[in-house]
Amino acid sequence: MARIIKYVFYDLLRTRFLLFYTLFLFVSTFALFQLDSDPNKVILSLMNIVLMVMPLISVVFATIHFYNSYEFIELMLAQPINRKVVFLSEYAGVALSLTSGFLIGVGVPILFYGAGHSAVMLLLVGTLLTIVFVSLAFLSSVLTRDKAKAIGIALLFWFYFSLIYDGLLLWIIYSFSDYPLEKVTLALVSLNPVDLGRIMMLLTLDVSALMGYTGAFYREFFGSYIGLLFSVGVLMLWIVIPTVLSVSIFSRKDL
């Protein structure tokens, strides 16, 4: 398994897209630090890239890579290698390559300028969201043999979590504003990894007032170590559950 992961990882590192992706993050982060001397404002600007651009790139890149690697996967399966090993090796190689690109592109400038704990949270959230959307991309890929349909499903995941879900959540809060919704909202936020990452970042940047009347509750809960462990645990579930479903479908799928 380690050899397959290593091959996929190094193969992806040589791709122009991944190099461009890393360079884009690197230049963007450096430019933001040059434009503003306040690290918190820079982290807030980078948060938009982490929450919107990175999930889109991760989900599309991982889906396209899976279909481009179909011949390699079939070649591996022709050998006495377990299907789960091949699938998880591909998954790990893609996740590692995209995570490495993010950590180099954003992490190196952050280390250079010496940003504080908010930068650490940005790197944590960015890493977890990258892997979450790689998991969703692989789930989309095993659901259909058609590449165009798989990309469509992957984009639907991104569109729903990044844009549609927030609208639905605001509608629920507005419609039932006369009732105490703090705990209900907490459960609803857990159903969206992007929203969960956004709250973790906003609380770290101490701008919980931007989240409205539930901001105090979020700060009380997510601002504690229990809240942090809860958030990371839920994001880990968003990684594990789609991956387990993908492995299960792929193991029974007729290639």
Foldseek 3Di string as FASTA:
>chain_A
DVVLLVVLQVVVVPDPVLVVLLQVLQVLLLVLCVVDVDVLVSLVVVLCCLLAVLLLCLLLVLLVVVLVCVVVLVVVVVDPDANLVSLVSSLNSSLVSSLVSNCNRNVVVCVVSVDDPLSVLSNVLSSLSSLLLSLVSLLLNLVDVDSVSSSVSSVVLSCCLRPVLVVVLVVVCVVPVVDPCLVVSVVSCLVHSSSLSVLLSCLVSVNLVVVPPSSVVSCVQCVDPNNVVVSVVSSVCSNPVSNVVSSVSSNPDDD
